[in-house]
Amino acid sequence: MNVLECAGSNACRQYCEALRSQGVAVEIDEAGCNVPAMFTIEKDGVVFDPTPAEEAIQNLDLVNNLGGALCGALIERTHDDPDQKTVSELIDGYKETFSDRLTLWQAMLSATRDGRQFTDVELKFYQGKLAQADVAVHERAADSTPESVLRAQAAADHTTLNEHKLLFDDQMIGTVDRLVSNLMDSKPTLLVGDKGIAKTQAAKFVAELWDPGNEPVIISGHGDMMSNELVGQMEQDKDTRVFGFKEGKLVKAMREGRPVIIDEVNVGDQPVIMRLQDILLRRPGDRILIQENGGDSIEIQPGFVVFATANEASARYQHRNVLDPAFRDRYDVINLRYPDSDSRNPAQDVPRSLMRLALAAAVDEQGVLSRHIDAAELERLVRLSHVTQHLYSVPARNARVTNLNTGQSTSNFLDEEPVMTDCITPRTLVDTVQRCATGNKPGMSLVSEMERVIVGLDQAGSAHNQSHARRALTLLQR
């Protein structure tokens, strides 16, 4: 009698796709999965018996190995687990909370698309639903083991990280709240913060909420930016030889009513960027003259707003321009910091948000940690990331990590400059963990990748950041 069920996990899907590629008649549809029927329970164990004739299978030995691995995955998910029901309910609770928050954001933008104000009654209604879902999941969590809560939160975070490339911790939720509100009011927004902190991704997420199914309008700042990229220019049609105006991304977005993301706005050629000065003060319904189109005008449509990102000009972020105060004043400025930046003891604390982010990258849909990830090594990488981010973003005189002097000149500890000139960013952390979690690349492990990341902290010919990172690792082991 068959006692196995489809786990519905990434591992299951990967094995099934591999089996199909070898000629096994794997079928997965809304009615279910036919793979468990290929397993039979015999006296000496579980036997994998693919239905098709052997001649249809390209490599029988490989298929048997895949079947054995898949059987292990199925057994792992379906063995008696007293916490499984609790974990599943918690996962559903966390997902419902996020879904209600997403529904609130969507309702706010829907009202704007309809050309009306989002009312206080609607706000209270959606916030009430969100509060109820939040209370329910917290009550469920209070009655569960810490391990079940951790696993369920990681599973829910895994889903949102895969779908939206964001961890919705308190800082990110607050950022999206502001961006959605500013889109409703057509208020330009400037996201400022260190690298790898998801500034652009947050703006993309909100832009996609406004215009689902379409790629956001993104303009990348660069030193040789030309006005035609923003506004447009007259061009000759290669077939008719007739000259006509080709709209730039900014003009097209104003006409179509779409958010615009200007990435690294202070890298772009500033005389060109200053063309935004007047546009940033305009709102939907206003008309604006396009000089490049012979003085023709267009009406700005609802949905148009400028989201810009920037790393502040500094010794670490060279080739950035200091934004003109009058230009900057036209934006609502959101300052983003690295997760857990309020930690009082970076070398001792386990950073909560960074650990959530790493676990989201390391688990599957059920919150099960990848068998290729060692939990202790994962915590070690997360804590190292946290320390390097602190030493990269805080002036040396304010750093709360001591004993990092590795015999180098004390000139490295200039009070006004951070101790390190690079760090393991949240983006690098996620990429590293995700690559290791799949386990499908030879010679790759969390230990080897941590070493690669540490070496990559320095430019060729320097070991300044490496030495501090390695010293930090010794502090973390105490």
Protein backbone atom coordinates (compact mmCIF):
# COMPACT_ATOMS: atom_id res chain seq x y z
CA MET A 1 0.00 0.00 0.00
CA ASN A 2 1.36 3.42 -0.99
CA VAL A 3 1.94 5.67 2.04
CA LEU A 4 3.82 8.46 0.27
CA GLU A 5 2.49 11.83 -0.89
CA CYS A 6 3.86 14.58 -3.07
CA ALA A 7 5.77 17.03 -0.90
CA GLY A 8 5.18 19.90 -3.32
CA SER A 9 8.60 21.33 -2.54
CA ASN A 10 11.38 22.73 -4.70
CA ALA A 11 13.33 19.50 -4.23
CA CYS A 12 10.34 17.45 -5.41
CA ARG A 13 9.92 19.57 -8.52
CA GLN A 14 13.62 19.46 -9.34
CA TYR A 15 13.75 15.67 -9.08
CA CYS A 16 10.54 15.28 -11.10
CA GLU A 17 11.84 17.54 -13.86
CA ALA A 18 15.08 15.57 -13.94
CA LEU A 19 13.13 12.28 -14.13
CA ARG A 20 11.00 13.63 -16.97
CA SER A 21 14.15 14.64 -18.87
CA GLN A 22 15.29 10.99 -18.63
CA GLY A 23 12.07 9.65 -20.16
CA VAL A 24 10.03 8.86 -17.04
CA ALA A 25 6.33 9.69 -17.51
CA VAL A 26 6.05 12.16 -14.65
CA GLU A 27 2.72 13.98 -14.54
CA ILE A 28 2.00 16.91 -12.27
CA ASP A 29 -1.27 18.78 -12.66
CA GLU A 30 -4.18 20.14 -10.65
CA ALA A 31 -5.43 16.58 -10.07
CA GLY A 32 -2.23 15.67 -8.29
CA CYS A 33 1.09 13.97 -8.87
CA ASN A 34 1.58 10.45 -10.20
CA VAL A 35 5.09 9.98 -8.80
CA PRO A 36 4.09 8.49 -5.39
CA ALA A 37 2.36 5.66 -7.29
CA MET A 38 5.77 4.67 -8.66
CA PHE A 39 6.90 3.73 -5.16
CA THR A 40 5.88 0.45 -3.57
CA ILE A 41 6.45 -0.59 0.02
CA GLU A 42 8.02 -4.04 0.18
CA LYS A 43 9.31 -6.19 2.99
CA ASP A 44 12.85 -4.86 2.78
CA GLY A 45 11.98 -1.23 2.11
CA VAL A 46 10.73 1.17 -0.54
CA VAL A 47 11.15 0.30 -4.24
CA PHE A 48 11.00 2.84 -7.05
CA ASP A 49 9.25 1.35 -10.07
CA PRO A 50 8.69 3.86 -12.91
CA THR A 51 5.67 2.95 -15.02
CA PRO A 52 7.09 3.23 -18.58
CA ALA A 53 8.99 0.44 -20.26
CA GLU A 54 12.72 0.54 -19.61
CA GLU A 55 13.48 1.27 -23.27
CA ALA A 56 11.85 4.71 -22.88
CA ILE A 57 14.28 5.59 -20.11
CA GLN A 58 17.56 7.12 -21.23
CA ASN A 59 19.69 6.18 -18.22
CA LEU A 60 18.24 3.59 -15.88
CA ASP A 61 20.97 3.88 -13.23
CA LEU A 62 20.54 7.66 -13.03
CA VAL A 63 16.75 7.28 -12.89
CA ASN A 64 17.05 4.82 -10.00
CA ASN A 65 19.33 7.21 -8.14
CA LEU A 66 16.92 10.09 -8.74
CA GLY A 67 14.06 7.93 -7.56
CA GLY A 68 15.92 7.05 -4.38
CA ALA A 69 16.65 10.70 -3.66
CA LEU A 70 13.04 11.66 -4.35
CA CYS A 71 11.83 8.88 -2.06
CA GLY A 72 13.99 10.33 0.72
CA ALA A 73 12.48 13.76 0.13
CA LEU A 74 8.96 12.34 0.28
CA ILE A 75 9.64 10.36 3.44
CA GLU A 76 11.24 13.42 5.06
CA ARG A 77 8.06 15.44 4.49
CA THR A 78 5.54 12.74 5.38
CA HIS A 79 6.98 11.02 8.46
CA ASP A 80 5.08 11.53 11.71
CA ASP A 81 5.92 15.06 12.84
CA PRO A 82 3.86 16.29 15.78
CA ASP A 83 4.80 19.89 14.98
CA GLN A 84 3.92 19.72 11.27
CA LYS A 85 0.29 20.74 11.74
CA THR A 86 1.30 23.65 13.97
CA VAL A 87 4.00 24.76 11.52
CA SER A 88 1.58 24.61 8.59
CA GLU A 89 -0.99 26.69 10.47
CA LEU A 90 1.67 29.24 11.41
CA ILE A 91 2.90 29.45 7.83
CA ASP A 92 -0.66 30.11 6.68
CA GLY A 93 -1.00 32.75 9.40
CA TYR A 94 2.15 34.62 8.41
CA LYS A 95 1.17 34.44 4.75
CA GLU A 96 -2.32 35.75 5.55
CA THR A 97 -0.83 38.69 7.44
CA PHE A 98 1.32 39.61 4.46
CA SER A 99 -1.60 39.07 2.09
CA ASP A 100 -3.74 41.49 4.10
CA ARG A 101 -0.93 44.05 4.07
CA LEU A 102 -0.56 43.61 0.32
CA THR A 103 -4.32 44.03 -0.10
CA LEU A 104 -4.16 47.34 1.79
CA TRP A 105 -1.43 48.66 -0.52
CA GLN A 106 -3.33 47.48 -3.59
CA ALA A 107 -6.58 49.08 -2.39
CA MET A 108 -4.82 52.41 -1.81
CA LEU A 109 -3.41 52.43 -5.33
CA SER A 110 -6.67 51.19 -6.84
CA ALA A 111 -8.46 54.26 -5.45
CA THR A 112 -5.83 56.48 -7.06
CA ARG A 113 -6.25 54.71 -10.41
CA ASP A 114 -10.00 55.34 -10.12
CA GLY A 115 -9.29 59.06 -9.66
CA ARG A 116 -10.63 59.29 -6.12
CA GLN A 117 -9.40 59.68 -2.57
CA PHE A 118 -8.80 56.61 -0.45
CA THR A 119 -11.19 57.18 2.47
CA ASP A 120 -10.59 56.91 6.20
CA VAL A 121 -13.28 54.22 6.38
CA GLU A 122 -11.45 52.07 3.84
CA LEU A 123 -8.16 52.57 5.63
CA LYS A 124 -9.69 51.56 8.96
CA PHE A 125 -11.32 48.50 7.39
CA TYR A 126 -8.15 47.14 5.78
CA GLN A 127 -6.01 47.97 8.79
CA GLY A 128 -8.54 46.19 10.98
CA LYS A 129 -8.31 43.02 8.90
CA LEU A 130 -4.52 43.23 9.03
CA ALA A 131 -4.56 43.69 12.80
CA GLN A 132 -6.86 40.68 13.25
CA ALA A 133 -4.59 38.47 11.16
CA ASP A 134 -1.54 39.73 13.03
CA VAL A 135 -3.10 39.05 16.45
CA ALA A 136 -4.23 35.57 15.35
CA VAL A 137 -0.78 34.52 14.18
CA HIS A 138 0.89 35.93 17.30
CA GLU A 139 -1.54 34.04 19.52
CA ARG A 140 -0.80 30.87 17.58
CA ALA A 141 2.94 31.54 17.89
CA ALA A 142 2.64 32.07 21.65
CA ASP A 143 1.22 28.53 21.98
CA SER A 144 3.93 26.98 19.78
CA THR A 145 7.53 25.99 20.31
CA PRO A 146 10.24 28.52 19.35
CA GLU A 147 11.48 26.03 16.75
CA SER A 148 8.05 25.84 15.09
CA VAL A 149 7.74 29.63 15.03
CA LEU A 150 11.22 30.04 13.56
CA ARG A 151 10.54 27.45 10.87
CA ALA A 152 7.15 28.92 9.94
CA GLN A 153 8.47 32.49 9.76
CA ALA A 154 11.35 31.30 7.57
CA ALA A 155 8.94 29.49 5.25
CA ALA A 156 6.73 32.58 4.86
CA ASP A 157 9.80 34.79 4.32
CA HIS A 158 11.08 32.28 1.74
CA THR A 159 7.89 32.77 -0.28
CA THR A 160 8.00 36.59 -0.24
CA LEU A 161 11.75 36.61 -0.95
CA ASN A 162 11.23 34.40 -4.01
CA GLU A 163 8.17 36.32 -5.25
CA HIS A 164 9.22 39.90 -4.48
CA LYS A 165 12.99 39.71 -3.73
CA LEU A 166 12.39 41.51 -0.43
CA LEU A 167 12.30 40.70 3.27
CA PHE A 168 9.35 42.55 4.77
CA ASP A 169 10.81 43.46 8.14
CA ASP A 170 9.75 46.62 9.98
CA GLN A 171 12.07 48.90 7.99
CA MET A 172 10.90 47.53 4.62
CA ILE A 173 7.21 47.69 5.58
CA GLY A 174 7.66 51.31 6.64
CA THR A 175 9.49 52.09 3.39
CA VAL A 176 6.76 50.55 1.23
CA ASP A 177 4.08 52.38 3.24
CA ARG A 178 5.82 55.67 2.42
CA LEU A 179 6.36 54.82 -1.23
CA VAL A 180 2.73 53.81 -1.74
CA SER A 181 1.51 56.97 -0.02
CA ASN A 182 3.85 59.11 -2.11
CA LEU A 183 2.70 57.43 -5.32
CA MET A 184 -0.90 58.27 -4.38
CA ASP A 185 0.15 61.92 -3.92
CA SER A 186 2.59 61.93 -6.88
CA LYS A 187 5.29 62.98 -4.40
CA PRO A 188 8.85 62.34 -5.68
CA THR A 189 10.85 60.10 -3.35
CA LEU A 190 14.59 59.74 -2.88
CA LEU A 191 15.80 56.49 -1.32
CA VAL A 192 19.23 57.03 0.22
CA GLY A 193 21.41 54.38 1.79
CA ASP A 194 24.39 52.08 1.47
CA LYS A 195 24.76 49.52 -1.30
CA GLY A 196 23.00 46.15 -1.31
CA ILE A 197 20.15 47.34 0.90
CA ALA A 198 17.25 46.83 -1.59
CA LYS A 199 16.56 50.50 -2.38
CA THR A 200 15.86 49.85 -6.05
CA GLN A 201 13.96 46.64 -5.37
CA ALA A 202 11.62 48.42 -2.95
CA ALA A 203 10.86 51.05 -5.60
CA LYS A 204 10.32 48.31 -8.23
CA PHE A 205 7.94 46.46 -5.91
CA VAL A 206 5.70 49.52 -5.52
CA ALA A 207 5.90 50.38 -9.23
CA GLU A 208 4.75 46.85 -10.03
CA LEU A 209 1.85 47.20 -7.59
CA TRP A 210 0.69 50.16 -9.65
CA ASP A 211 1.18 48.51 -13.04
CA PRO A 212 1.01 44.71 -12.53
CA GLY A 213 2.40 42.61 -15.33
CA ASN A 214 4.57 45.38 -16.80
CA GLU A 215 8.24 46.03 -16.22
CA PRO A 216 8.84 49.27 -14.28
CA VAL A 217 10.30 52.24 -16.13
CA ILE A 218 13.92 52.29 -14.94
CA ILE A 219 16.52 54.88 -15.90
CA SER A 220 20.07 54.10 -14.78
CA GLY A 221 22.18 57.10 -13.88
CA HIS A 222 25.58 57.24 -15.52
CA GLY A 223 28.24 59.84 -16.18
CA ASP A 224 27.58 60.32 -19.89
CA MET A 225 23.80 60.44 -19.62
CA MET A 226 22.18 62.41 -22.43
CA SER A 227 18.99 64.44 -22.34
CA ASN A 228 17.36 62.24 -24.98
CA GLU A 229 17.34 59.32 -22.51
CA LEU A 230 15.05 61.30 -20.24
CA VAL A 231 13.10 63.51 -22.61
CA GLY A 232 13.64 62.29 -26.17
CA GLN A 233 14.87 63.62 -29.51
CA MET A 234 13.94 64.09 -33.15
CA GLU A 235 14.87 61.05 -35.24
CA GLN A 236 14.53 60.16 -38.91
CA ASP A 237 12.48 57.08 -39.74
CA LYS A 238 14.74 54.71 -41.66
CA ASP A 239 11.91 53.67 -44.00
CA THR A 240 9.95 56.89 -44.66
CA ARG A 241 12.93 59.23 -44.11
CA VAL A 242 10.53 61.48 -42.21
CA PHE A 243 11.70 63.12 -39.00
CA GLY A 244 9.60 62.56 -35.90
CA PHE A 245 9.93 62.88 -32.15
CA LYS A 246 11.02 59.75 -30.26
CA GLU A 247 9.95 59.98 -26.64
CA GLY A 248 12.42 59.38 -23.83
CA LYS A 249 11.48 57.14 -20.92
CA LEU A 250 10.48 60.06 -18.69
CA VAL A 251 8.11 61.65 -21.22
CA LYS A 252 6.57 58.29 -22.07
CA ALA A 253 5.96 57.57 -18.37
CA MET A 254 4.28 60.97 -17.89
CA ARG A 255 2.00 60.37 -20.86
CA GLU A 256 1.13 56.80 -19.85
CA GLY A 257 0.87 57.46 -16.11
CA ARG A 258 3.60 55.14 -14.82
CA PRO A 259 6.14 55.39 -11.99
CA VAL A 260 9.73 56.09 -13.01
CA ILE A 261 12.74 54.75 -11.10
CA ILE A 262 15.98 56.70 -11.57
CA ASP A 263 18.69 54.43 -10.19
CA GLU A 264 21.83 56.11 -8.82
CA VAL A 265 20.49 59.56 -9.60
CA ASN A 266 23.64 61.31 -8.34
CA VAL A 267 25.87 59.40 -10.78
CA GLY A 268 24.08 60.81 -13.81
CA ASP A 269 25.28 63.93 -15.59
CA GLN A 270 23.97 66.67 -13.33
CA PRO A 271 23.03 69.26 -15.99
CA VAL A 272 20.86 66.53 -17.55
CA ILE A 273 19.43 65.42 -14.20
CA MET A 274 18.55 69.04 -13.44
CA ARG A 275 16.03 68.83 -16.28
CA LEU A 276 13.91 67.14 -13.61
CA GLN A 277 13.77 70.30 -11.50
CA ASP A 278 10.49 71.54 -12.92
CA ILE A 279 9.00 68.08 -13.50
CA LEU A 280 9.40 67.14 -9.83
CA LEU A 281 6.99 69.94 -8.91
CA ARG A 282 4.31 68.87 -11.38
CA ARG A 283 1.33 66.66 -10.60
CA PRO A 284 -1.16 64.60 -12.68
CA GLY A 285 -3.39 66.91 -14.72
CA ASP A 286 -0.61 69.45 -15.27
CA ARG A 287 0.65 70.03 -18.79
CA ILE A 288 4.34 70.26 -19.50
CA LEU A 289 6.12 71.64 -22.58
CA ILE A 290 8.59 69.39 -24.40
CA GLN A 291 11.16 71.72 -25.91
CA GLU A 292 12.77 68.90 -27.90
CA ASN A 293 9.41 68.36 -29.65
CA GLY A 294 9.02 71.90 -30.88
CA GLY A 295 7.26 73.12 -27.75
CA ASP A 296 4.51 70.52 -27.90
CA SER A 297 2.93 69.70 -24.54
CA ILE A 298 1.62 66.60 -22.83
CA GLU A 299 -0.70 66.11 -19.87
CA ILE A 300 0.75 64.17 -16.94
CA GLN A 301 -1.43 61.17 -16.13
CA PRO A 302 -2.18 59.69 -12.68
CA GLY A 303 0.44 57.14 -11.66
CA PHE A 304 3.41 59.19 -12.79
CA VAL A 305 5.91 59.74 -9.98
CA VAL A 306 9.69 59.78 -9.71
CA PHE A 307 11.39 57.33 -7.35
CA ALA A 308 15.15 57.92 -7.23
CA THR A 309 17.92 56.05 -5.43
CA ALA A 310 21.33 57.29 -4.36
CA ASN A 311 24.43 56.44 -2.37
CA GLU A 312 25.59 59.63 -0.69
CA ALA A 313 28.80 61.03 -2.20
CA SER A 314 31.74 60.00 0.00
CA ALA A 315 35.18 58.41 -0.09
CA ARG A 316 33.47 55.02 -0.35
CA TYR A 317 31.08 56.09 -3.11
CA GLN A 318 33.30 57.90 -5.55
CA HIS A 319 32.07 59.43 -8.81
CA ARG A 320 28.83 60.42 -7.04
CA ASN A 321 27.74 64.03 -7.16
CA VAL A 322 26.52 66.00 -4.17
CA LEU A 323 22.90 66.75 -5.01
CA ASP A 324 21.92 70.38 -5.26
CA PRO A 325 19.97 71.31 -2.08
CA ALA A 326 17.11 72.81 -4.09
CA PHE A 327 16.90 69.63 -6.18
CA ARG A 328 17.01 67.36 -3.13
CA ASP A 329 14.38 69.44 -1.36
CA ARG A 330 11.83 68.46 -4.01
CA TYR A 331 11.94 64.86 -2.78
CA ASP A 332 10.62 63.06 0.24
CA VAL A 333 13.94 61.58 1.41
CA ILE A 334 13.88 58.10 2.95
CA ASN A 335 17.12 57.11 4.65
CA LEU A 336 17.62 53.34 4.71
CA ARG A 337 20.08 51.59 6.99
CA TYR A 338 21.49 48.11 7.09
CA PRO A 339 19.30 45.64 9.00
CA ASP A 340 19.83 45.53 12.78
CA SER A 341 21.93 48.71 12.66
CA ASP A 342 20.61 49.63 16.11
CA SER A 343 22.46 46.70 17.68
CA ARG A 344 24.39 47.74 20.78
CA ASN A 345 26.86 44.84 20.59
CA PRO A 346 27.36 43.84 16.95
CA ALA A 347 30.05 41.29 17.82
CA GLN A 348 27.84 39.55 20.41
CA ASP A 349 24.31 39.92 19.09
CA VAL A 350 22.65 37.57 16.61
CA PRO A 351 21.06 40.08 14.18
CA ARG A 352 17.36 39.32 13.95
CA SER A 353 16.49 40.74 10.52
CA LEU A 354 19.67 39.50 8.84
CA MET A 355 19.08 36.03 10.27
CA ARG A 356 15.51 36.12 8.95
CA LEU A 357 16.87 37.07 5.54
CA ALA A 358 19.47 34.28 5.54
CA LEU A 359 16.98 31.65 6.71
CA ALA A 360 14.52 32.71 4.01
CA ALA A 361 17.25 31.95 1.47
CA ALA A 362 18.25 28.67 3.15
CA VAL A 363 14.90 26.88 3.63
CA ASP A 364 12.17 25.45 1.41
CA GLU A 365 8.44 26.21 1.30
CA GLN A 366 7.89 24.25 4.52
CA GLY A 367 10.69 26.01 6.38
CA VAL A 368 12.98 22.97 6.25
CA LEU A 369 16.65 23.96 6.22
CA SER A 370 18.55 22.79 3.14
CA ARG A 371 20.61 19.69 3.89
CA HIS A 372 23.51 21.52 2.21
CA ILE A 373 23.45 24.30 4.83
CA ASP A 374 24.96 23.85 8.28
CA ALA A 375 23.02 25.94 10.81
CA ALA A 376 26.13 26.91 12.80
CA GLU A 377 27.99 28.03 9.67
CA LEU A 378 24.93 29.99 8.54
CA GLU A 379 24.81 31.86 11.84
CA ARG A 380 28.55 32.51 11.56
CA LEU A 381 28.14 34.04 8.10
CA VAL A 382 25.17 36.14 9.21
CA ARG A 383 27.02 37.51 12.24
CA LEU A 384 30.10 38.27 10.14
CA SER A 385 27.91 40.09 7.63
CA HIS A 386 26.40 42.12 10.46
CA VAL A 387 29.79 43.15 11.85
CA THR A 388 31.19 44.11 8.44
CA GLN A 389 28.09 46.18 7.65
CA HIS A 390 28.50 47.99 10.96
CA LEU A 391 32.19 48.68 10.37
CA TYR A 392 31.44 49.84 6.82
CA SER A 393 28.60 52.22 7.61
CA VAL A 394 29.64 53.80 10.93
CA PRO A 395 32.54 56.24 11.49
CA ALA A 396 35.39 54.56 13.36
CA ARG A 397 34.90 56.78 16.43
CA ASN A 398 31.33 55.44 16.77
CA ALA A 399 32.05 51.80 16.00
CA ARG A 400 30.92 49.37 18.68
CA VAL A 401 33.33 46.58 17.71
CA THR A 402 36.70 46.70 19.46
CA ASN A 403 39.94 44.72 19.29
CA LEU A 404 40.10 44.74 15.49
CA ASN A 405 43.56 46.28 15.23
CA THR A 406 45.56 43.55 13.56
CA GLY A 407 48.91 45.27 13.80
CA GLN A 408 48.26 47.70 11.00
CA SER A 409 48.89 51.38 11.36
CA THR A 410 46.36 53.21 13.48
CA SER A 411 45.94 55.56 10.52
CA ASN A 412 43.41 52.99 9.33
CA PHE A 413 41.17 54.13 12.18
CA LEU A 414 40.55 57.70 11.16
CA ASP A 415 37.71 58.91 13.37
CA GLU A 416 35.58 60.29 10.57
CA GLU A 417 35.95 57.29 8.24
CA PRO A 418 34.55 53.79 8.78
CA VAL A 419 37.03 51.05 9.66
CA MET A 420 36.21 49.00 6.56
CA THR A 421 35.83 50.17 2.97
CA ASP A 422 33.60 47.26 1.90
CA CYS A 423 31.24 44.80 3.55
CA ILE A 424 29.14 41.68 3.08
CA THR A 425 25.88 43.33 2.05
CA PRO A 426 22.41 41.81 2.55
CA ARG A 427 22.29 41.25 -1.22
CA THR A 428 25.59 39.32 -1.15
CA LEU A 429 24.42 37.34 1.88
CA VAL A 430 21.24 36.20 0.13
CA ASP A 431 23.03 35.33 -3.11
CA THR A 432 25.66 33.31 -1.25
CA VAL A 433 23.16 31.32 0.81
CA GLN A 434 20.83 30.64 -2.11
CA ARG A 435 23.67 29.32 -4.27
CA CYS A 436 24.81 26.98 -1.52
CA ALA A 437 21.30 25.84 -0.55
CA THR A 438 20.71 24.15 -3.91
CA GLY A 439 23.79 21.97 -3.47
CA ASN A 440 24.04 21.27 -7.19
CA LYS A 441 27.47 22.79 -7.89
CA PRO A 442 30.74 20.87 -7.35
CA GLY A 443 33.10 22.19 -4.72
CA MET A 444 30.62 24.73 -3.36
CA SER A 445 29.80 24.93 0.33
CA LEU A 446 28.94 27.66 2.78
CA VAL A 447 32.48 27.50 4.18
CA SER A 448 34.13 27.82 0.75
CA GLU A 449 31.76 30.61 -0.29
CA MET A 450 32.36 32.51 2.93
CA GLU A 451 36.07 32.45 2.15
CA ARG A 452 35.39 33.66 -1.40
CA VAL A 453 33.26 36.53 -0.08
CA ILE A 454 35.92 37.56 2.45
CA VAL A 455 38.63 37.60 -0.23
CA GLY A 456 36.32 39.63 -2.46
CA LEU A 457 36.06 42.42 0.10
CA ASP A 458 39.33 43.90 -1.15
CA GLN A 459 40.50 45.27 -4.45
CA ALA A 460 43.56 43.69 -6.05
CA GLY A 461 46.72 44.27 -4.07
CA SER A 462 45.04 45.04 -0.76
CA ALA A 463 44.11 42.90 2.22
CA HIS A 464 42.79 45.67 4.48
CA ASN A 465 39.15 44.53 4.63
CA GLN A 466 40.09 40.85 4.64
CA SER A 467 42.22 41.24 7.74
CA HIS A 468 39.41 42.99 9.61
CA ALA A 469 36.86 40.39 8.51
CA ARG A 470 39.08 37.52 9.65
CA ARG A 471 39.74 39.27 12.96
CA ALA A 472 35.99 39.72 13.35
CA LEU A 473 35.52 35.98 12.81
CA THR A 474 37.86 35.23 15.71
CA LEU A 475 35.87 37.62 17.91
CA LEU A 476 32.63 35.88 16.93
CA GLN A 477 34.03 32.51 18.00
CA ARG A 478 34.80 33.63 21.53
